[in-house]
């Protein structure tokens, strides 16, 4: 049975107004504040813990052949950003909740009564989650740098804020997390279910890479396909030592754009044609 929505509000609804109302409602939720705090803490604690562990390990195995060069600026920078993988899942889940919660609670009806143009609402949510994710990720990486700098100095590990390795982690890493957040928003729009959207997102970023590695062991050519998967293109540009592939930067950025936008565009189409 089709649910027809007719707005009883006759004022001029603008994108700015929708964006403002979405932000007010989103930040009023405890889940939003908790997930943001968890994302920051996870990034900082993993960065500091990983750098401390590697510094301690390298000091005990100095001179042993085959050990990684922990004095390399690229190696140290990647350690500082080592929590970004978890950041993708946490802020991606936030993207799912940004829209799926409305269908779970039934508040989607009032949302689209106030703003009948559904795609404008989705655009406002996309802008909100993009800006929020970028600010939270950049802030957590900067805080991770401040916490990690004394640890790096203590173990003689190179870590320079203006250096190319850390700037790569800072900007490309943030872009990879924004990609995951937009994917989450797209999946939430597609499934209209919080648990289903978060589970699928976790499967894409944590289960799929494991299955991929097992498949590569038996089908060698699949390695060329695997480098286009979201876990690879999402953080490959930020972590060239950890995610080794044959892709140019522009190819990785094209992959990031594709994984961010395709689920969102499909979700936008379904949002327009399906019943509320």
C-alpha atoms as a PDB file:
ATOM      1  CA  UNK A   1       0.000   0.000   0.000  1.00  0.00           C
ATOM      2  CA  UNK A   2       1.469   3.302  -1.057  1.00  0.00           C
ATOM      3  CA  UNK A   3       1.981   5.919   1.604  1.00  0.00           C
ATOM      4  CA  UNK A   4       1.296   9.364   0.188  1.00  0.00           C
ATOM      5  CA  UNK A   5       3.001  12.256   1.925  1.00  0.00           C
ATOM      6  CA  UNK A   6       1.789  15.769   1.468  1.00  0.00           C
ATOM      7  CA  UNK A   7       3.560  18.538   3.276  1.00  0.00           C
ATOM      8  CA  UNK A   8       1.404  20.766   5.462  1.00  0.00           C
ATOM      9  CA  UNK A   9       4.275  23.237   5.657  1.00  0.00           C
ATOM     10  CA  UNK A  10       3.928  25.987   3.096  1.00  0.00           C
ATOM     11  CA  UNK A  11       7.130  27.917   3.843  1.00  0.00           C
ATOM     12  CA  UNK A  12      10.207  27.946   1.650  1.00  0.00           C
ATOM     13  CA  UNK A  13      12.318  24.883   2.486  1.00  0.00           C
ATOM     14  CA  UNK A  14      15.984  25.324   1.580  1.00  0.00           C
ATOM     15  CA  UNK A  15      18.955  22.987   1.615  1.00  0.00           C
ATOM     16  CA  UNK A  16      20.528  25.118   4.346  1.00  0.00           C
ATOM     17  CA  UNK A  17      17.425  24.799   6.483  1.00  0.00           C
ATOM     18  CA  UNK A  18      17.288  21.030   6.023  1.00  0.00           C
ATOM     19  CA  UNK A  19      20.999  20.752   6.782  1.00  0.00           C
ATOM     20  CA  UNK A  20      20.589  22.797   9.960  1.00  0.00           C
ATOM     21  CA  UNK A  21      17.661  20.704  11.194  1.00  0.00           C
ATOM     22  CA  UNK A  22      19.512  17.464  10.392  1.00  0.00           C
ATOM     23  CA  UNK A  23      22.571  18.651  12.320  1.00  0.00           C
ATOM     24  CA  UNK A  24      20.512  19.655  15.360  1.00  0.00           C
ATOM     25  CA  UNK A  25      18.713  16.316  15.433  1.00  0.00           C
ATOM     26  CA  UNK A  26      21.854  14.279  14.755  1.00  0.00           C
ATOM     27  CA  UNK A  27      23.955  15.881  17.480  1.00  0.00           C
ATOM     28  CA  UNK A  28      21.120  15.566  19.987  1.00  0.00           C
ATOM     29  CA  UNK A  29      21.485  11.768  19.897  1.00  0.00           C
ATOM     30  CA  UNK A  30      23.684  10.080  22.501  1.00  0.00           C
ATOM     31  CA  UNK A  31      24.819   7.520  19.918  1.00  0.00           C
ATOM     32  CA  UNK A  32      26.338  10.279  17.783  1.00  0.00           C
ATOM     33  CA  UNK A  33      28.398  11.741  20.604  1.00  0.00           C
ATOM     34  CA  UNK A  34      29.477   8.316  21.834  1.00  0.00           C
ATOM     35  CA  UNK A  35      30.620   7.104  18.411  1.00  0.00           C
ATOM     36  CA  UNK A  36      32.555  10.323  17.777  1.00  0.00           C
ATOM     37  CA  UNK A  37      34.309   9.988  21.144  1.00  0.00           C
ATOM     38  CA  UNK A  38      35.064   6.311  20.503  1.00  0.00           C
ATOM     39  CA  UNK A  39      36.460   7.113  17.044  1.00  0.00           C
ATOM     40  CA  UNK A  40      38.850   9.703  18.472  1.00  0.00           C
ATOM     41  CA  UNK A  41      39.950   7.522  21.404  1.00  0.00           C
ATOM     42  CA  UNK A  42      40.487   4.450  19.222  1.00  0.00           C
ATOM     43  CA  UNK A  43      42.660   6.388  16.772  1.00  0.00           C
ATOM     44  CA  UNK A  44      44.782   7.954  19.507  1.00  0.00           C
ATOM     45  CA  UNK A  45      45.158   4.828  21.659  1.00  0.00           C
ATOM     46  CA  UNK A  46      45.988   2.526  18.745  1.00  0.00           C
ATOM     47  CA  UNK A  47      48.495   5.047  17.349  1.00  0.00           C
ATOM     48  CA  UNK A  48      50.271   5.496  20.687  1.00  0.00           C
ATOM     49  CA  UNK A  49      50.135   1.797  21.571  1.00  0.00           C
ATOM     50  CA  UNK A  50      51.381   0.613  18.188  1.00  0.00           C
ATOM     51  CA  UNK A  51      54.207   3.141  18.079  1.00  0.00           C
ATOM     52  CA  UNK A  52      55.280   2.311  21.632  1.00  0.00           C
ATOM     53  CA  UNK A  53      55.204  -1.447  20.916  1.00  0.00           C
ATOM     54  CA  UNK A  54      57.187  -1.108  17.689  1.00  0.00           C
ATOM     55  CA  UNK A  55      59.676   1.261  19.309  1.00  0.00           C
ATOM     56  CA  UNK A  56      60.227  -1.176  22.182  1.00  0.00           C
ATOM     57  CA  UNK A  57      60.497  -4.103  19.800  1.00  0.00           C
ATOM     58  CA  UNK A  58      62.988  -2.332  17.536  1.00  0.00           C
ATOM     59  CA  UNK A  59      65.164  -1.348  20.501  1.00  0.00           C
ATOM     60  CA  UNK A  60      65.380  -4.998  21.538  1.00  0.00           C
ATOM     61  CA  UNK A  61      66.058  -6.338  18.039  1.00  0.00           C
ATOM     62  CA  UNK A  62      68.429  -3.638  16.796  1.00  0.00           C
ATOM     63  CA  UNK A  63      70.855  -5.028  14.227  1.00  0.00           C
ATOM     64  CA  UNK A  64      68.892  -8.246  13.614  1.00  0.00           C
ATOM     65  CA  UNK A  65      68.619  -8.946   9.844  1.00  0.00           C
ATOM     66  CA  UNK A  66      65.139  -8.823   8.314  1.00  0.00           C
ATOM     67  CA  UNK A  67      63.637  -6.444  10.855  1.00  0.00           C
ATOM     68  CA  UNK A  68      61.605  -3.469   9.516  1.00  0.00           C
ATOM     69  CA  UNK A  69      63.283  -0.089   9.395  1.00  0.00           C
ATOM     70  CA  UNK A  70      61.402   1.624  12.213  1.00  0.00           C
ATOM     71  CA  UNK A  71      63.472   4.782  11.767  1.00  0.00           C
ATOM     72  CA  UNK A  72      61.839   5.365   8.377  1.00  0.00           C
ATOM     73  CA  UNK A  73      59.502   8.396   8.395  1.00  0.00           C
ATOM     74  CA  UNK A  74      57.014   6.479   6.225  1.00  0.00           C
ATOM     75  CA  UNK A  75      56.924   3.575   8.692  1.00  0.00           C
ATOM     76  CA  UNK A  76      56.402   5.875  11.680  1.00  0.00           C
ATOM     77  CA  UNK A  77      53.694   7.887   9.923  1.00  0.00           C
ATOM     78  CA  UNK A  78      51.765   4.723   9.098  1.00  0.00           C
ATOM     79  CA  UNK A  79      51.940   3.656  12.741  1.00  0.00           C
ATOM     80  CA  UNK A  80      50.380   6.978  13.752  1.00  0.00           C
ATOM     81  CA  UNK A  81      47.498   6.321  11.357  1.00  0.00           C
ATOM     82  CA  UNK A  82      47.121   2.649  12.238  1.00  0.00           C
ATOM     83  CA  UNK A  83      43.735   3.216  13.884  1.00  0.00           C
ATOM     84  CA  UNK A  84      42.088   4.513  10.713  1.00  0.00           C
ATOM     85  CA  UNK A  85      40.821   1.058   9.754  1.00  0.00           C
ATOM     86  CA  UNK A  86      38.727   0.984  12.906  1.00  0.00           C
ATOM     87  CA  UNK A  87      37.783   4.605  12.284  1.00  0.00           C
ATOM     88  CA  UNK A  88      36.286   3.531   8.964  1.00  0.00           C
ATOM     89  CA  UNK A  89      34.015   1.053  10.712  1.00  0.00           C
ATOM     90  CA  UNK A  90      32.995   3.399  13.547  1.00  0.00           C
ATOM     91  CA  UNK A  91      32.246   6.443  11.391  1.00  0.00           C
ATOM     92  CA  UNK A  92      30.817   4.224   8.670  1.00  0.00           C
ATOM     93  CA  UNK A  93      28.372   2.923  11.284  1.00  0.00           C
ATOM     94  CA  UNK A  94      27.555   6.524  12.100  1.00  0.00           C
ATOM     95  CA  UNK A  95      26.716   7.042   8.425  1.00  0.00           C
ATOM     96  CA  UNK A  96      24.363   4.062   8.531  1.00  0.00           C
ATOM     97  CA  UNK A  97      22.631   5.353  11.672  1.00  0.00           C
ATOM     98  CA  UNK A  98      22.212   8.825  10.187  1.00  0.00           C
ATOM     99  CA  UNK A  99      19.408   7.580   7.954  1.00  0.00           C
ATOM    100  CA  UNK A 100      18.475   4.040   9.020  1.00  0.00           C
ATOM    101  CA  UNK A 101      17.425   5.239  12.463  1.00  0.00           C
ATOM    102  CA  UNK A 102      14.685   7.340  10.874  1.00  0.00           C
ATOM    103  CA  UNK A 103      13.086   4.297   9.286  1.00  0.00           C
ATOM    104  CA  UNK A 104      13.516   2.212  12.441  1.00  0.00           C
ATOM    105  CA  UNK A 105      11.766   4.768  14.644  1.00  0.00           C
ATOM    106  CA  UNK A 106       9.285   5.914  12.008  1.00  0.00           C
ATOM    107  CA  UNK A 107      10.500   9.512  12.121  1.00  0.00           C
ATOM    108  CA  UNK A 108      11.148   9.347   8.358  1.00  0.00           C
ATOM    109  CA  UNK A 109       7.477  10.172   7.856  1.00  0.00           C
ATOM    110  CA  UNK A 110       7.741  13.485   9.699  1.00  0.00           C
ATOM    111  CA  UNK A 111      11.077  14.224   8.014  1.00  0.00           C
ATOM    112  CA  UNK A 112       9.618  13.917   4.528  1.00  0.00           C
ATOM    113  CA  UNK A 113       6.464  15.744   5.525  1.00  0.00           C
ATOM    114  CA  UNK A 114       8.599  18.724   6.519  1.00  0.00           C
ATOM    115  CA  UNK A 115      10.767  18.360   3.397  1.00  0.00           C
ATOM    116  CA  UNK A 116       8.968  16.392   0.684  1.00  0.00           C
ATOM    117  CA  UNK A 117      11.963  16.514  -1.673  1.00  0.00           C
ATOM    118  CA  UNK A 118      13.635  13.340  -0.474  1.00  0.00           C
ATOM    119  CA  UNK A 119      16.826  13.788  -2.448  1.00  0.00           C
ATOM    120  CA  UNK A 120      17.392  17.166  -0.793  1.00  0.00           C
ATOM    121  CA  UNK A 121      17.193  15.464   2.609  1.00  0.00           C
ATOM    122  CA  UNK A 122      19.688  12.823   1.479  1.00  0.00           C
ATOM    123  CA  UNK A 123      21.992  15.506   0.095  1.00  0.00           C
ATOM    124  CA  UNK A 124      21.877  17.332   3.435  1.00  0.00           C
ATOM    125  CA  UNK A 125      22.730  14.109   5.246  1.00  0.00           C
ATOM    126  CA  UNK A 126      25.592  13.461   2.805  1.00  0.00           C
ATOM    127  CA  UNK A 127      27.065  16.921   3.422  1.00  0.00           C
ATOM    128  CA  UNK A 128      26.657  16.514   7.175  1.00  0.00           C
ATOM    129  CA  UNK A 129      28.363  13.117   7.407  1.00  0.00           C
ATOM    130  CA  UNK A 130      31.158  14.209   5.036  1.00  0.00           C
ATOM    131  CA  UNK A 131      32.036  17.326   7.032  1.00  0.00           C
ATOM    132  CA  UNK A 132      31.632  15.569  10.390  1.00  0.00           C
ATOM    133  CA  UNK A 133      33.795  12.608   9.361  1.00  0.00           C
ATOM    134  CA  UNK A 134      36.510  14.830   7.902  1.00  0.00           C
ATOM    135  CA  UNK A 135      36.683  17.021  11.010  1.00  0.00           C
ATOM    136  CA  UNK A 136      36.681  14.068  13.438  1.00  0.00           C
ATOM    137  CA  UNK A 137      39.325  12.144  11.466  1.00  0.00           C
ATOM    138  CA  UNK A 138      41.616  15.133  10.981  1.00  0.00           C
ATOM    139  CA  UNK A 139      41.248  16.038  14.654  1.00  0.00           C
ATOM    140  CA  UNK A 140      41.999  12.514  15.830  1.00  0.00           C
ATOM    141  CA  UNK A 141      45.062  12.254  13.557  1.00  0.00           C
ATOM    142  CA  UNK A 142      46.405  15.578  14.831  1.00  0.00           C
ATOM    143  CA  UNK A 143      45.842  14.450  18.421  1.00  0.00           C
ATOM    144  CA  UNK A 144      47.500  11.127  17.607  1.00  0.00           C
ATOM    145  CA  UNK A 145      50.496  13.023  16.256  1.00  0.00           C
ATOM    146  CA  UNK A 146      50.817  15.093  19.434  1.00  0.00           C
ATOM    147  CA  UNK A 147      50.613  11.997  21.634  1.00  0.00           C
ATOM    148  CA  UNK A 148      52.934   9.939  19.413  1.00  0.00           C
ATOM    149  CA  UNK A 149      55.644  12.545  18.886  1.00  0.00           C
ATOM    150  CA  UNK A 150      57.312  12.101  22.324  1.00  0.00           C
ATOM    151  CA  UNK A 151      57.140   8.305  21.956  1.00  0.00           C
ATOM    152  CA  UNK A 152      58.787   8.485  18.539  1.00  0.00           C
ATOM    153  CA  UNK A 153      61.529  10.759  19.844  1.00  0.00           C
ATOM    154  CA  UNK A 154      62.168   8.427  22.778  1.00  0.00           C
ATOM    155  CA  UNK A 155      62.897   5.519  20.427  1.00  0.00           C
ATOM    156  CA  UNK A 156      64.682   7.526  17.750  1.00  0.00           C
ATOM    157  CA  UNK A 157      61.863   7.194  15.223  1.00  0.00           C
ATOM    158  CA  UNK A 158      61.417   9.955  12.625  1.00  0.00           C
ATOM    159  CA  UNK A 159      58.050  11.709  12.759  1.00  0.00           C
ATOM    160  CA  UNK A 160      57.692  15.133  11.164  1.00  0.00           C
ATOM    161  CA  UNK A 161      54.356  16.895  10.845  1.00  0.00           C
ATOM    162  CA  UNK A 162      55.238  18.663   7.582  1.00  0.00           C
ATOM    163  CA  UNK A 163      56.903  15.586   6.102  1.00  0.00           C
ATOM    164  CA  UNK A 164      55.361  13.939   3.044  1.00  0.00           C
ATOM    165  CA  UNK A 165      54.663  10.580   4.794  1.00  0.00           C
ATOM    166  CA  UNK A 166      52.559  12.083   7.594  1.00  0.00           C
ATOM    167  CA  UNK A 167      50.795  14.518   5.255  1.00  0.00           C
ATOM    168  CA  UNK A 168      49.898  11.541   3.070  1.00  0.00           C
ATOM    169  CA  UNK A 169      48.399   9.737   6.060  1.00  0.00           C
ATOM    170  CA  UNK A 170      46.629  12.892   7.217  1.00  0.00           C
ATOM    171  CA  UNK A 171      44.839  13.762   3.980  1.00  0.00           C
ATOM    172  CA  UNK A 172      44.486  10.480   2.105  1.00  0.00           C
ATOM    173  CA  UNK A 173      43.633   8.703   5.359  1.00  0.00           C
ATOM    174  CA  UNK A 174      40.862  11.202   6.058  1.00  0.00           C
ATOM    175  CA  UNK A 175      39.537  10.712   2.538  1.00  0.00           C
ATOM    176  CA  UNK A 176      39.448   6.946   3.090  1.00  0.00           C
ATOM    177  CA  UNK A 177      37.361   7.334   6.245  1.00  0.00           C
ATOM    178  CA  UNK A 178      34.997   9.783   4.518  1.00  0.00           C
ATOM    179  CA  UNK A 179      34.547   7.129   1.816  1.00  0.00           C
ATOM    180  CA  UNK A 180      33.503   4.586   4.452  1.00  0.00           C
ATOM    181  CA  UNK A 181      31.066   7.043   6.063  1.00  0.00           C
ATOM    182  CA  UNK A 182      29.379   7.761   2.715  1.00  0.00           C
ATOM    183  CA  UNK A 183      29.257   4.032   2.011  1.00  0.00           C
ATOM    184  CA  UNK A 184      27.532   3.618   5.372  1.00  0.00           C
ATOM    185  CA  UNK A 185      24.998   6.295   4.481  1.00  0.00           C
ATOM    186  CA  UNK A 186      24.365   4.579   1.142  1.00  0.00           C
ATOM    187  CA  UNK A 187      23.932   1.165   2.767  1.00  0.00           C
ATOM    188  CA  UNK A 188      21.620   2.642   5.389  1.00  0.00           C
ATOM    189  CA  UNK A 189      19.504   4.159   2.619  1.00  0.00           C
ATOM    190  CA  UNK A 190      19.417   0.871   0.728  1.00  0.00           C
ATOM    191  CA  UNK A 191      18.603  -1.432   3.650  1.00  0.00           C
ATOM    192  CA  UNK A 192      16.704   0.951   5.960  1.00  0.00           C
ATOM    193  CA  UNK A 193      17.938  -1.182   8.842  1.00  0.00           C
ATOM    194  CA  UNK A 194      20.674  -0.212  11.292  1.00  0.00           C
ATOM    195  CA  UNK A 195      21.828  -3.720  12.223  1.00  0.00           C
ATOM    196  CA  UNK A 196      21.819  -4.896   8.606  1.00  0.00           C
ATOM    197  CA  UNK A 197      23.678  -1.849   7.326  1.00  0.00           C
ATOM    198  CA  UNK A 198      26.388  -1.977  10.009  1.00  0.00           C
ATOM    199  CA  UNK A 199      26.810  -5.749   9.593  1.00  0.00           C
ATOM    200  CA  UNK A 200      27.225  -5.410   5.826  1.00  0.00           C
ATOM    201  CA  UNK A 201      29.688  -2.548   6.279  1.00  0.00           C
ATOM    202  CA  UNK A 202      31.753  -4.612   8.737  1.00  0.00           C
ATOM    203  CA  UNK A 203      31.696  -7.547   6.320  1.00  0.00           C
ATOM    204  CA  UNK A 204      32.974  -5.359   3.478  1.00  0.00           C
ATOM    205  CA  UNK A 205      35.886  -3.918   5.458  1.00  0.00           C
ATOM    206  CA  UNK A 206      36.843  -6.850   7.706  1.00  0.00           C
ATOM    207  CA  UNK A 207      35.455 -10.148   6.369  1.00  0.00           C
ATOM    208  CA  UNK A 208      35.867  -9.520   2.632  1.00  0.00           C
ATOM    209  CA  UNK A 209      39.650  -8.811   2.899  1.00  0.00           C
ATOM    210  CA  UNK A 210      40.176 -12.152   4.685  1.00  0.00           C
ATOM    211  CA  UNK A 211      38.167 -14.026   2.066  1.00  0.00           C
ATOM    212  CA  UNK A 212      40.092 -12.165  -0.631  1.00  0.00           C
ATOM    213  CA  UNK A 213      43.469 -13.247   0.738  1.00  0.00           C
ATOM    214  CA  UNK A 214      42.327 -16.861   0.839  1.00  0.00           C
ATOM    215  CA  UNK A 215      41.104 -16.614  -2.743  1.00  0.00           C
ATOM    216  CA  UNK A 216      44.368 -15.054  -3.914  1.00  0.00           C
ATOM    217  CA  UNK A 217      46.215 -18.098  -2.588  1.00  0.00           C
ATOM    218  CA  UNK A 218      44.385 -20.287  -5.104  1.00  0.00           C
ATOM    219  CA  UNK A 219      43.585 -17.835  -7.906  1.00  0.00           C
ATOM    220  CA  UNK A 220      46.607 -15.634  -8.570  1.00  0.00           C
ATOM    221  CA  UNK A 221      44.921 -13.327 -11.089  1.00  0.00           C
ATOM    222  CA  UNK A 222      42.379 -12.284  -8.461  1.00  0.00           C
ATOM    223  CA  UNK A 223      45.141 -10.149  -6.940  1.00  0.00           C
ATOM    224  CA  UNK A 224      44.504  -7.622  -9.734  1.00  0.00           C
ATOM    225  CA  UNK A 225      40.837  -7.451  -8.759  1.00  0.00           C
ATOM    226  CA  UNK A 226      41.517  -7.278  -5.018  1.00  0.00           C
ATOM    227  CA  UNK A 227      43.446  -4.028  -5.297  1.00  0.00           C
ATOM    228  CA  UNK A 228      40.191  -2.274  -6.272  1.00  0.00           C
ATOM    229  CA  UNK A 229      38.294  -3.443  -3.177  1.00  0.00           C
ATOM    230  CA  UNK A 230      37.297  -0.717  -0.674  1.00  0.00           C
ATOM    231  CA  UNK A 231      39.796  -1.710   2.018  1.00  0.00           C
ATOM    232  CA  UNK A 232      42.616  -1.416  -0.525  1.00  0.00           C
ATOM    233  CA  UNK A 233      41.712   1.788  -2.366  1.00  0.00           C
ATOM    234  CA  UNK A 234      40.373   3.413   0.805  1.00  0.00           C
ATOM    235  CA  UNK A 235      43.696   3.470   2.647  1.00  0.00           C
ATOM    236  CA  UNK A 236      46.136   2.404  -0.066  1.00  0.00           C
ATOM    237  CA  UNK A 237      47.183   5.961  -0.905  1.00  0.00           C
ATOM    238  CA  UNK A 238      47.695   6.769   2.790  1.00  0.00           C
ATOM    239  CA  UNK A 239      49.659   3.596   3.599  1.00  0.00           C
ATOM    240  CA  UNK A 240      51.830   2.656   0.592  1.00  0.00           C
ATOM    241  CA  UNK A 241      54.014   0.371   2.737  1.00  0.00           C
ATOM    242  CA  UNK A 242      51.075  -1.630   4.108  1.00  0.00           C
ATOM    243  CA  UNK A 243      48.876  -1.675   0.985  1.00  0.00           C
ATOM    244  CA  UNK A 244      51.187  -2.376  -1.906  1.00  0.00           C
ATOM    245  CA  UNK A 245      49.510  -2.253  -5.319  1.00  0.00           C
ATOM    246  CA  UNK A 246      50.159  -1.174  -8.884  1.00  0.00           C
ATOM    247  CA  UNK A 247      47.617   1.643  -8.967  1.00  0.00           C
ATOM    248  CA  UNK A 248      48.417   5.282  -9.614  1.00  0.00           C
ATOM    249  CA  UNK A 249      47.093   7.875  -7.181  1.00  0.00           C
ATOM    250  CA  UNK A 250      44.407   9.009  -9.630  1.00  0.00           C
ATOM    251  CA  UNK A 251      43.233   5.418 -10.023  1.00  0.00           C
ATOM    252  CA  UNK A 252      42.983   4.990  -6.262  1.00  0.00           C
ATOM    253  CA  UNK A 253      41.066   8.266  -5.946  1.00  0.00           C
ATOM    254  CA  UNK A 254      38.703   7.115  -8.693  1.00  0.00           C
ATOM    255  CA  UNK A 255      38.149   3.917  -6.735  1.00  0.00           C
ATOM    256  CA  UNK A 256      37.466   5.906  -3.563  1.00  0.00           C
ATOM    257  CA  UNK A 257      34.916   8.050  -5.398  1.00  0.00           C
ATOM    258  CA  UNK A 258      33.248   4.981  -6.885  1.00  0.00           C
ATOM    259  CA  UNK A 259      32.863   3.132  -3.583  1.00  0.00           C
ATOM    260  CA  UNK A 260      31.589   6.279  -1.880  1.00  0.00           C
ATOM    261  CA  UNK A 261      29.102   7.351  -4.542  1.00  0.00           C
ATOM    262  CA  UNK A 262      27.710   4.195  -6.143  1.00  0.00           C
ATOM    263  CA  UNK A 263      25.892   2.864  -3.028  1.00  0.00           C
ATOM    264  CA  UNK A 264      24.700   6.403  -2.326  1.00  0.00           C
ATOM    265  CA  UNK A 265      23.357   6.922  -5.853  1.00  0.00           C
ATOM    266  CA  UNK A 266      21.549   3.580  -5.836  1.00  0.00           C
ATOM    267  CA  UNK A 267      20.138   4.401  -2.413  1.00  0.00           C
ATOM    268  CA  UNK A 268      19.030   7.819  -3.665  1.00  0.00           C
ATOM    269  CA  UNK A 269      17.133   6.247  -6.552  1.00  0.00           C
ATOM    270  CA  UNK A 270      15.423   3.722  -4.262  1.00  0.00           C
ATOM    271  CA  UNK A 271      14.624   6.447  -1.750  1.00  0.00           C
ATOM    272  CA  UNK A 272      12.827   8.360  -4.484  1.00  0.00           C
ATOM    273  CA  UNK A 273      10.790   5.465  -5.865  1.00  0.00           C
ATOM    274  CA  UNK A 274      10.037   3.375  -2.774  1.00  0.00           C
ATOM    275  CA  UNK A 275       7.333   3.961  -0.200  1.00  0.00           C
ATOM    276  CA  UNK A 276       8.316   5.427   3.150  1.00  0.00           C
END
